[in-house]
Each structure stands twice: as C-alpha cells, then as structure tokens.
Amino acid sequence: MLIISFEGIDGSGKTTIAKLIFERMMKIIGNRKKVLLTQEPFTKEISSLIEKLGWKDPIALTLLFSADRAFHINWILKEGYDVILMDRYIHSTIAYQSVLGVDEEWIRLVNSNFPKPDIVILLDIRPETALERLRGKIDRFNFSEKLSSLSKVREKYLELSRKERNFKVINAERELNEVEEEVWNIIYSYLDS
C-alpha cells in the first residue's frame, strides 16, 4: 500500500492537485491497481462536531480529527486499496493544532497507530496568495487574523519538511499545469519502483 498525502495551508491547491493526479493515475494504473482519492475529515458526524466546536478548543479538535482518522483508516484497510491519495492527513493535524498550542509530540502520540504516509506532497504557497485564492470564502474583517494564522501554519509545515525525509516541497505559486507535472513526476517515480 502506497499512501500519498497532500498538505499545505488553506488555498494552496491540495484538493485540485490531488484530483488531477488521481485522474492521471487512473488512466495509467487504474486497470491494474486499486486507487483511492479521499480527504479528511472523512465522517460527516465528526465533521459536524468539528464545525460546531470551531477552533476554540485545540485539544478537542486534535482528538476529533484523530477519531475521524481512525474510522477513515479502518475503512481504507478493509477495502484493500493499493494507492491512497489523501487530501490532508496526519501532518495537517500537527501543523494546525500545534500552532494553536497543542504539544506536537502529544499529537504524534495520539496518531502513532496510523500508517505513515510514504510521500507527503507539501504545496507551499505564501499566505497572501492563498488568501487571494480564497477571496469570497473568507470574511474580509478576519483577513489579518487569517493571514497571521496561515503564516504560522506555513512555517510549521516548512519546519516539518526539514525534519522528515518523506516530504516533497512544491512551489504552488506557479501555473497549475507546472505544479501538476512536478507532483506527477515525483509520484510516478514511486509507482515505477
């Protein structure tokens, strides 16, 4: 089983790139391997609890995201997929919750029983660019607060990428087709081996 997670701040293009890579992968290996594109949060019930809680209690959020991940991973393992493309995974919980004050080692401990991703595609983008992409989805009165939050999360992701070998940092400021091509070349080298 090959697990590829797509990570990055809100507006970095994770969902778009993951879908493009999935479509490409299905054309090339879909007839011989069972491929899944999925995202977190996974369950509707836990997602609604996360929404209700908002970002007020980072420890509760960590536990909810991890509980959701348990359901998610159990379902994936039962279905027997060969390649899993994850739109957000463990590193999202680490990046977002640790900047809210939750101890990173505790987050890792809570998530220690889940399979680690083989490849983490970090779509790196400046928070200003991300917010421009998200225009209309974010209350403009919260712009400076969101900018500060995304800046901290981006720095955490970059810190994680320096510590962990499975990270591939991609400049997501470029044209979509350039980003897709670079990501595909990285992933294809794993599929080919």
Protein backbone atom coordinates (compact mmCIF):
# COMPACT_ATOMS: atom_id res chain seq x y z
CA MET A 1 0.00 0.00 0.00
CA LEU A 2 1.31 3.40 -1.03
CA ILE A 3 -0.03 6.41 0.93
CA ILE A 4 0.47 9.86 -0.57
CA SER A 5 -0.76 12.83 1.42
CA PHE A 6 -1.31 16.31 0.03
CA GLU A 7 -0.62 19.00 2.60
CA GLY A 8 -0.47 22.78 2.70
CA ILE A 9 -2.27 25.80 4.03
CA ASP A 10 -5.84 26.59 3.03
CA GLY A 11 -5.89 27.80 -0.57
CA SER A 12 -2.66 26.05 -1.57
CA GLY A 13 -4.37 23.85 -4.17
CA LYS A 14 -4.31 20.50 -2.36
CA THR A 15 -7.75 19.38 -3.48
CA THR A 16 -7.27 20.49 -7.08
CA ILE A 17 -3.86 18.84 -7.48
CA ALA A 18 -4.99 15.65 -5.71
CA LYS A 19 -7.93 15.32 -8.13
CA LEU A 20 -5.73 15.93 -11.18
CA ILE A 21 -3.17 13.36 -10.00
CA PHE A 22 -5.95 10.85 -9.26
CA GLU A 23 -7.41 11.25 -12.76
CA ARG A 24 -3.99 10.81 -14.32
CA MET A 25 -3.21 7.81 -12.14
CA MET A 26 -6.50 6.10 -13.02
CA LYS A 27 -5.67 6.37 -16.74
CA ILE A 28 -2.21 4.86 -16.24
CA ILE A 29 -2.56 2.25 -13.48
CA GLY A 30 -6.30 2.15 -12.70
CA ASN A 31 -6.73 -1.10 -14.60
CA ARG A 32 -4.13 -2.95 -12.51
CA LYS A 33 -4.15 -1.22 -9.11
CA LYS A 34 -6.94 -0.18 -6.78
CA VAL A 35 -6.56 3.61 -6.36
CA LEU A 36 -8.45 5.86 -3.93
CA LEU A 37 -8.75 9.62 -3.64
CA THR A 38 -10.06 10.60 -0.22
CA GLN A 39 -9.91 13.50 2.20
CA GLU A 40 -10.03 14.39 5.85
CA PRO A 41 -12.16 14.98 7.74
CA PHE A 42 -13.85 11.81 6.47
CA THR A 43 -17.02 11.16 8.51
CA LYS A 44 -19.98 13.54 8.36
CA GLU A 45 -20.75 13.06 12.05
CA ILE A 46 -17.29 14.03 13.27
CA SER A 47 -17.05 16.81 10.65
CA SER A 48 -20.18 18.40 12.06
CA LEU A 49 -18.75 18.20 15.60
CA ILE A 50 -15.56 19.88 14.36
CA GLU A 51 -17.61 22.65 12.73
CA LYS A 52 -19.68 23.18 15.89
CA LEU A 53 -16.55 23.36 18.03
CA GLY A 54 -14.86 25.80 15.67
CA TRP A 55 -11.25 26.46 16.60
CA LYS A 56 -11.97 27.17 20.26
CA ASP A 57 -10.51 24.00 21.82
CA PRO A 58 -7.40 22.72 20.02
CA ILE A 59 -7.07 19.60 22.21
CA ALA A 60 -10.65 18.55 21.47
CA LEU A 61 -10.00 19.26 17.78
CA THR A 62 -6.90 17.08 17.82
CA LEU A 63 -8.88 14.23 19.34
CA LEU A 64 -11.79 14.68 16.91
CA PHE A 65 -9.51 14.73 13.86
CA SER A 66 -7.72 11.65 15.20
CA ALA A 67 -11.00 9.82 15.90
CA ASP A 68 -12.14 10.65 12.37
CA ARG A 69 -8.80 9.32 11.07
CA ALA A 70 -9.36 6.01 12.92
CA PHE A 71 -12.67 5.45 11.10
CA HIS A 72 -11.08 6.57 7.85
CA ILE A 73 -8.01 4.30 8.02
CA ASN A 74 -10.04 1.28 9.17
CA TRP A 75 -12.36 1.70 6.18
CA ILE A 76 -9.39 2.09 3.77
CA LEU A 77 -7.67 -1.04 5.13
CA LYS A 78 -10.86 -3.11 4.83
CA GLU A 79 -11.30 -2.03 1.22
CA GLY A 80 -7.78 -3.11 0.28
CA TYR A 81 -6.57 -0.16 -1.78
CA ASP A 82 -3.11 -0.25 -3.35
CA VAL A 83 -2.61 3.52 -3.69
CA ILE A 84 -4.27 6.09 -1.44
CA LEU A 85 -4.21 9.80 -2.25
CA MET A 86 -5.10 11.73 0.91
CA ASP A 87 -6.25 15.34 0.75
CA ARG A 88 -4.92 16.17 4.25
CA TYR A 89 -3.69 13.59 6.74
CA ILE A 90 -1.68 13.46 9.98
CA HIS A 91 0.54 16.44 9.16
CA SER A 92 -2.48 18.73 8.88
CA THR A 93 -3.37 17.93 12.47
CA ILE A 94 0.23 18.51 13.55
CA ALA A 95 0.58 21.79 11.67
CA TYR A 96 -2.78 23.36 12.52
CA GLN A 97 -3.16 22.19 16.12
CA SER A 98 0.44 22.71 17.21
CA VAL A 99 0.32 26.39 16.21
CA LEU A 100 -2.72 26.63 18.48
CA GLY A 101 -0.58 25.46 21.39
CA VAL A 102 -1.04 21.67 21.40
CA ASP A 103 2.19 19.79 22.06
CA GLU A 104 3.48 18.29 18.79
CA GLU A 105 4.78 15.14 20.47
CA TRP A 106 1.38 14.51 22.05
CA ILE A 107 -0.31 14.92 18.62
CA ARG A 108 2.18 12.41 17.19
CA LEU A 109 1.49 10.01 20.06
CA VAL A 110 -2.28 10.21 19.53
CA ASN A 111 -1.71 9.43 15.83
CA SER A 112 1.08 6.88 16.28
CA ASN A 113 -1.02 3.83 15.34
CA PHE A 114 -1.93 5.14 11.89
CA PRO A 115 0.16 4.24 8.86
CA LYS A 116 2.66 6.91 7.97
CA PRO A 117 2.46 8.43 4.50
CA ASP A 118 5.11 7.24 2.07
CA ILE A 119 5.14 10.64 0.37
CA VAL A 120 3.98 13.99 1.73
CA ILE A 121 3.40 16.49 -1.05
CA LEU A 122 3.62 19.92 0.59
CA LEU A 123 2.14 22.53 -1.70
CA ASP A 124 3.93 25.62 -0.45
CA ILE A 125 2.37 28.99 -1.08
CA ARG A 126 2.59 32.41 0.50
CA PRO A 127 -0.39 33.13 2.78
CA GLU A 128 -1.16 36.30 0.81
CA THR A 129 -1.53 34.27 -2.39
CA ALA A 130 -3.65 31.68 -0.60
CA LEU A 131 -5.99 34.34 0.75
CA GLU A 132 -6.28 35.88 -2.69
CA ARG A 133 -7.36 32.47 -4.00
CA LEU A 134 -9.85 32.15 -1.15
CA ARG A 135 -11.33 35.60 -1.73
CA GLY A 136 -15.06 35.46 -1.19
CA LYS A 137 -14.79 32.45 1.14
CA ILE A 138 -13.22 34.42 3.99
CA ASP A 139 -14.79 37.27 5.89
CA ARG A 140 -12.65 40.28 4.96
CA PHE A 141 -12.83 41.56 8.55
CA ASN A 142 -10.91 38.44 9.62
CA PHE A 143 -8.30 38.86 6.87
CA SER A 144 -5.39 39.93 9.11
CA GLU A 145 -6.22 37.24 11.67
CA LYS A 146 -6.36 34.58 8.92
CA LEU A 147 -3.11 35.90 7.38
CA SER A 148 -1.34 35.56 10.73
CA SER A 149 -2.75 32.07 11.31
CA LEU A 150 -1.82 30.81 7.84
CA SER A 151 1.68 32.27 8.19
CA LYS A 152 2.24 30.26 11.39
CA VAL A 153 0.83 27.08 9.84
CA ARG A 154 3.01 27.51 6.74
CA GLU A 155 6.12 27.91 8.91
CA LYS A 156 5.17 24.75 10.83
CA TYR A 157 4.76 22.79 7.59
CA LEU A 158 8.17 24.00 6.39
CA GLU A 159 9.70 23.02 9.73
CA LEU A 160 8.17 19.54 9.39
CA SER A 161 9.53 19.26 5.85
CA ARG A 162 13.05 19.91 7.12
CA LYS A 163 12.72 17.18 9.78
CA GLU A 164 11.06 14.40 7.78
CA ARG A 165 12.56 12.71 4.72
CA ASN A 166 9.25 11.80 3.06
CA PHE A 167 8.32 15.45 2.41
CA LYS A 168 8.48 16.87 -1.12
CA VAL A 169 8.06 20.66 -1.07
CA ILE A 170 6.44 22.02 -4.23
CA ASN A 171 6.26 25.69 -5.14
CA ALA A 172 2.49 26.07 -5.62
CA GLU A 173 2.75 29.73 -6.68
CA ARG A 174 3.28 28.60 -10.29
CA GLU A 175 0.80 27.71 -13.03
CA LEU A 176 -1.40 24.74 -12.20
CA ASN A 177 -0.06 22.58 -15.04
CA GLU A 178 3.55 23.14 -13.87
CA VAL A 179 2.66 22.15 -10.30
CA GLU A 180 0.74 19.09 -11.51
CA GLU A 181 3.65 17.97 -13.71
CA GLU A 182 6.20 18.25 -10.88
CA VAL A 183 3.94 16.39 -8.46
CA TRP A 184 3.22 13.69 -11.05
CA ASN A 185 6.92 13.14 -11.74
CA ILE A 186 7.61 12.65 -8.03
CA ILE A 187 4.72 10.22 -7.55
CA TYR A 188 5.37 8.32 -10.78
CA SER A 189 8.92 7.54 -9.65
CA TYR A 190 7.40 5.73 -6.63
CA LEU A 191 4.82 3.91 -8.76
CA ASP A 192 7.53 2.77 -11.14
CA SER A 193 9.74 1.30 -8.40
